[in-house]
């Protein structure tokens, strides 16, 4: 019987030499821009970072090289075979501060988009779990949803794009709504999750999300009081008091304190 020859393991393709030469040219042009920044600062009396001492010029050349690469390969679709690309890389090195800031924001926006997609997936999972009525599935989905929301909220302070801020808020609200629904089956996990989201939102400057989570806790507690479920009402009360004491936003603290007053008093 003929045997099947083993499949050779695929080896990663080497980067073409021409591409490496173009990259080196862009880095060199950017470094020259960084050096020009240092020269101009010396002649114009512009303050330079003193922390690097005698290494300042070299550090600025390195930063300029990175800015040139960011500008050419990340922020634009420049043609690396054109002379103007290397001139642009030098300009990026000279104006390294806004270039690096723009590159950082691009990465942050991409991360927010990816995290927003994860939140959407988790919302769908908790929706399906709520429909199934399976306690374990709902608990797991609730915990995963809270983690996804808080990961997105942690990015909020570094986001400057208003559209990305809206993405985080909208997806967080949808998750909060599903956690409020899941409280009918897994009240402890849902209340704990809403408290964590409200606290993370407050500490990240997303007060609207924090207040929306408190509203959901208020609804859960009110329903528990109506149904004479003292244990759940007590859990909600404690969660709200925790928020009132630990949230960084004063409006969140006040709202949590007001909501907690409706339930058990210690």
Protein backbone atom coordinates (compact mmCIF):
# COMPACT_ATOMS: atom_id res chain seq x y z
CA UNK A 1 0.00 0.00 0.00
CA UNK A 2 1.29 3.41 -0.98
CA UNK A 3 1.88 5.74 1.88
CA UNK A 4 0.96 9.40 1.80
CA UNK A 5 4.09 11.53 1.94
CA UNK A 6 4.21 13.85 4.93
CA UNK A 7 3.12 17.38 4.31
CA UNK A 8 6.01 19.75 4.63
CA UNK A 9 5.55 22.41 7.24
CA UNK A 10 4.99 25.80 5.70
CA UNK A 11 7.72 28.30 6.38
CA UNK A 12 7.01 31.99 6.77
CA UNK A 13 7.80 34.03 3.71
CA UNK A 14 10.79 36.30 3.99
CA UNK A 15 10.20 40.02 3.63
CA UNK A 16 11.44 41.10 0.19
CA UNK A 17 14.72 42.98 0.22
CA UNK A 18 13.14 45.90 -1.65
CA UNK A 19 10.58 46.34 1.13
CA UNK A 20 13.29 46.33 3.80
CA UNK A 21 15.25 48.93 1.84
CA UNK A 22 12.15 51.13 1.58
CA UNK A 23 11.50 50.76 5.32
CA UNK A 24 15.09 51.67 6.09
CA UNK A 25 14.79 54.73 3.86
CA UNK A 26 11.62 55.87 5.62
CA UNK A 27 13.19 55.35 9.05
CA UNK A 28 16.29 57.28 8.01
CA UNK A 29 14.22 60.14 6.61
CA UNK A 30 12.16 60.26 9.80
CA UNK A 31 15.33 60.25 11.89
CA UNK A 32 16.65 63.20 9.91
CA UNK A 33 13.37 64.97 10.65
CA UNK A 34 13.84 64.27 14.35
CA UNK A 35 17.38 65.64 14.17
CA UNK A 36 16.10 68.73 12.37
CA UNK A 37 13.61 69.21 15.22
CA UNK A 38 16.53 69.22 17.66
CA UNK A 39 18.55 71.66 15.53
CA UNK A 40 15.63 74.07 15.13
CA UNK A 41 14.90 73.88 18.85
CA UNK A 42 18.50 74.81 19.60
CA UNK A 43 18.46 77.79 17.24
CA UNK A 44 15.04 79.09 18.26
CA UNK A 45 15.45 78.53 22.00
CA UNK A 46 12.56 76.04 22.13
CA UNK A 47 12.64 73.93 25.28
CA UNK A 48 13.77 70.35 24.83
CA UNK A 49 13.27 67.37 27.16
CA UNK A 50 16.16 67.37 29.62
CA UNK A 51 15.63 63.88 31.01
CA UNK A 52 17.78 62.33 28.24
CA UNK A 53 20.74 64.66 28.77
CA UNK A 54 23.39 64.27 26.08
CA UNK A 55 21.30 61.59 24.41
CA UNK A 56 18.49 63.99 23.53
CA UNK A 57 19.44 64.33 19.85
CA UNK A 58 19.69 60.56 19.39
CA UNK A 59 16.41 59.97 21.21
CA UNK A 60 14.69 62.55 19.01
CA UNK A 61 16.13 60.86 15.94
CA UNK A 62 14.69 57.54 17.13
CA UNK A 63 11.31 59.14 17.84
CA UNK A 64 11.44 60.87 14.46
CA UNK A 65 12.16 57.54 12.75
CA UNK A 66 9.14 55.98 14.43
CA UNK A 67 6.97 58.96 13.51
CA UNK A 68 8.11 58.68 9.89
CA UNK A 69 7.19 54.99 9.80
CA UNK A 70 3.83 55.65 11.46
CA UNK A 71 3.02 58.46 9.04
CA UNK A 72 3.99 56.54 5.90
CA UNK A 73 2.83 53.02 6.69
CA UNK A 74 0.08 53.45 9.30
CA UNK A 75 -1.63 56.79 8.83
CA UNK A 76 -1.40 57.15 5.06
CA UNK A 77 -1.19 55.00 1.96
CA UNK A 78 2.03 56.58 0.74
CA UNK A 79 3.89 55.09 -2.21
CA UNK A 80 7.27 53.95 -0.82
CA UNK A 81 8.82 54.16 -4.30
CA UNK A 82 8.12 57.90 -4.62
CA UNK A 83 10.60 60.55 -3.49
CA UNK A 84 7.80 62.60 -1.91
CA UNK A 85 7.19 59.73 0.51
CA UNK A 86 10.63 60.17 2.04
CA UNK A 87 10.14 63.92 2.21
CA UNK A 88 6.85 63.26 3.98
CA UNK A 89 8.62 60.87 6.37
CA UNK A 90 11.14 63.60 7.20
CA UNK A 91 8.29 66.05 7.86
CA UNK A 92 6.66 63.45 10.12
CA UNK A 93 9.92 63.17 12.03
CA UNK A 94 10.06 66.94 12.38
CA UNK A 95 6.41 67.09 13.54
CA UNK A 96 6.69 63.87 15.55
CA UNK A 97 4.35 64.83 18.39
CA UNK A 98 1.02 65.04 16.46
CA UNK A 99 2.01 62.08 14.27
CA UNK A 100 2.63 59.80 17.23
CA UNK A 101 -0.55 61.05 18.93
CA UNK A 102 -2.55 60.30 15.77
CA UNK A 103 -1.01 56.82 15.54
CA UNK A 104 -1.84 56.14 19.18
CA UNK A 105 -5.44 57.23 18.64
CA UNK A 106 -5.72 55.04 15.57
CA UNK A 107 -4.66 52.04 17.62
CA UNK A 108 -7.07 52.98 20.42
CA UNK A 109 -9.97 53.34 17.95
CA UNK A 110 -9.19 49.94 16.45
CA UNK A 111 -9.09 48.41 19.92
CA UNK A 112 -12.43 50.03 20.79
CA UNK A 113 -14.00 48.67 17.60
CA UNK A 114 -12.74 45.17 18.41
CA UNK A 115 -13.96 45.39 22.01
CA UNK A 116 -17.33 46.74 20.87
CA UNK A 117 -17.67 43.70 18.62
CA UNK A 118 -16.94 41.44 21.60
CA UNK A 119 -19.59 43.27 23.63
CA UNK A 120 -22.14 42.74 20.87
CA UNK A 121 -21.31 39.03 20.80
CA UNK A 122 -21.74 38.79 24.57
CA UNK A 123 -25.07 40.63 24.43
CA UNK A 124 -26.31 38.08 21.90
CA UNK A 125 -25.11 35.26 24.14
CA UNK A 126 -26.87 36.60 27.21
CA UNK A 127 -30.03 37.16 25.15
CA UNK A 128 -29.95 33.52 24.08
CA UNK A 129 -29.23 32.41 27.65
CA UNK A 130 -32.11 34.48 29.03
CA UNK A 131 -34.42 32.86 26.50
CA UNK A 132 -33.25 29.38 27.49
CA UNK A 133 -33.87 29.91 31.20
CA UNK A 134 -30.81 27.82 32.07
CA UNK A 135 -29.38 29.21 35.30
CA UNK A 136 -25.78 28.15 34.64
CA UNK A 137 -25.80 29.51 31.09
CA UNK A 138 -27.27 32.82 32.20
CA UNK A 139 -24.76 33.16 35.05
CA UNK A 140 -21.81 32.46 32.77
CA UNK A 141 -23.14 34.78 30.05
CA UNK A 142 -23.73 37.53 32.62
CA UNK A 143 -20.19 37.29 33.97
CA UNK A 144 -18.67 37.30 30.47
CA UNK A 145 -20.82 40.27 29.48
CA UNK A 146 -19.71 42.29 32.49
CA UNK A 147 -16.07 41.56 31.69
CA UNK A 148 -16.50 42.64 28.06
CA UNK A 149 -18.26 45.87 29.06
CA UNK A 150 -15.66 46.77 31.67
CA UNK A 151 -12.83 46.09 29.21
CA UNK A 152 -14.43 48.57 26.81
CA UNK A 153 -15.05 51.12 29.55
CA UNK A 154 -11.40 50.97 30.58
CA UNK A 155 -10.50 52.29 27.12
CA UNK A 156 -12.84 55.27 27.36
CA UNK A 157 -10.43 57.76 29.02
CA UNK A 158 -8.00 57.45 26.08
CA UNK A 159 -10.69 57.81 23.38
CA UNK A 160 -11.01 61.24 21.76
CA UNK A 161 -13.27 60.28 18.85
CA UNK A 162 -16.88 61.16 19.85
CA UNK A 163 -18.24 58.40 17.59
CA UNK A 164 -16.21 55.79 19.47
CA UNK A 165 -17.48 57.18 22.76
CA UNK A 166 -21.03 56.70 21.48
CA UNK A 167 -20.20 53.12 20.45
CA UNK A 168 -19.04 52.29 23.97
CA UNK A 169 -22.10 53.90 25.57
CA UNK A 170 -24.65 52.28 23.24
CA UNK A 171 -23.18 48.78 23.57
CA UNK A 172 -22.92 49.18 27.35
CA UNK A 173 -26.58 50.19 27.59
CA UNK A 174 -27.64 47.11 25.62
CA UNK A 175 -25.61 44.92 27.95
CA UNK A 176 -27.15 46.61 31.00
CA UNK A 177 -30.65 45.98 29.66
CA UNK A 178 -29.90 42.27 29.27
CA UNK A 179 -28.42 42.06 32.76
CA UNK A 180 -31.59 43.65 34.11
CA UNK A 181 -33.60 40.96 32.32
CA UNK A 182 -31.35 38.17 33.62
CA UNK A 183 -32.00 39.32 37.21
CA UNK A 184 -35.31 37.46 37.12
CA UNK A 185 -33.35 34.19 37.00
CA UNK A 186 -29.93 34.98 38.47
CA UNK A 187 -30.44 38.07 40.66
CA UNK A 188 -27.15 37.86 42.57
CA UNK A 189 -24.96 37.60 39.46
CA UNK A 190 -26.94 40.32 37.70
CA UNK A 191 -26.85 42.76 40.61
CA UNK A 192 -23.14 42.18 41.15
CA UNK A 193 -22.51 42.67 37.42
CA UNK A 194 -24.48 45.90 37.26
CA UNK A 195 -22.63 47.23 40.29
CA UNK A 196 -19.28 46.45 38.66
CA UNK A 197 -20.32 48.12 35.42
CA UNK A 198 -21.57 51.22 37.21
CA UNK A 199 -18.38 51.50 39.22
CA UNK A 200 -16.15 50.99 36.16
CA UNK A 201 -18.18 53.50 34.15
CA UNK A 202 -18.01 56.08 36.92
CA UNK A 203 -14.26 55.66 37.28
CA UNK A 204 -13.79 55.91 33.48
CA UNK A 205 -15.80 59.11 33.13
CA UNK A 206 -18.82 57.43 31.53
CA UNK A 207 -21.38 58.76 33.99
CA UNK A 208 -24.34 58.12 31.67
CA UNK A 209 -23.54 54.41 31.63
CA UNK A 210 -23.02 54.40 35.41
CA UNK A 211 -26.38 56.08 36.00
CA UNK A 212 -28.13 53.68 33.59
CA UNK A 213 -26.79 50.72 35.58
CA UNK A 214 -28.10 52.31 38.78
CA UNK A 215 -31.53 52.69 37.17
CA UNK A 216 -31.51 48.97 36.40
CA UNK A 217 -30.54 48.18 39.98
CA UNK A 218 -33.40 50.41 41.13
CA UNK A 219 -35.85 48.48 38.94
CA UNK A 220 -34.57 45.12 40.19
CA UNK A 221 -34.84 46.26 43.80
CA UNK A 222 -38.33 47.69 43.32
CA UNK A 223 -39.52 44.46 41.71
CA UNK A 224 -38.03 42.46 44.57
CA UNK A 225 -39.81 44.68 47.11
CA UNK A 226 -43.11 44.26 45.29
CA UNK A 227 -42.63 40.49 45.21
CA UNK A 228 -41.60 40.58 48.90
CA UNK A 229 -38.22 39.08 48.07
CA UNK A 230 -36.23 40.53 50.94
CA UNK A 231 -32.99 38.79 50.03
CA UNK A 232 -32.77 40.32 46.55
CA UNK A 233 -33.87 43.74 47.81
CA UNK A 234 -31.16 43.55 50.46
CA UNK A 235 -28.55 42.61 47.83
CA UNK A 236 -29.56 45.57 45.68
CA UNK A 237 -29.43 47.90 48.66
CA UNK A 238 -25.90 46.81 49.55
CA UNK A 239 -24.75 47.17 45.92
CA UNK A 240 -26.12 50.71 45.76
CA UNK A 241 -24.48 51.68 49.05
CA UNK A 242 -21.19 50.31 47.76
CA UNK A 243 -21.53 52.53 44.68
CA UNK A 244 -22.46 55.52 46.83
CA UNK A 245 -19.25 55.08 48.81
CA UNK A 246 -16.79 54.09 46.07
CA UNK A 247 -17.86 55.72 42.79
CA UNK A 248 -15.63 58.61 41.70
CA UNK A 249 -18.46 60.63 40.13
CA UNK A 250 -20.48 62.66 42.62
CA UNK A 251 -23.65 62.42 40.50
CA UNK A 252 -23.33 58.64 40.55
CA UNK A 253 -22.78 58.65 44.30
CA UNK A 254 -25.88 60.79 44.83
CA UNK A 255 -28.07 58.69 42.55
CA UNK A 256 -26.94 55.46 44.20
CA UNK A 257 -27.58 56.90 47.67
CA UNK A 258 -31.06 58.06 46.66
CA UNK A 259 -31.93 54.67 45.16
CA UNK A 260 -30.57 52.78 48.18
CA UNK A 261 -32.82 54.78 50.51
CA UNK A 262 -35.86 53.11 48.95
CA UNK A 263 -34.84 49.74 50.32
CA UNK A 264 -33.54 48.41 53.59
CA UNK A 265 -32.05 50.85 56.05
CA UNK A 266 -29.28 49.71 58.36
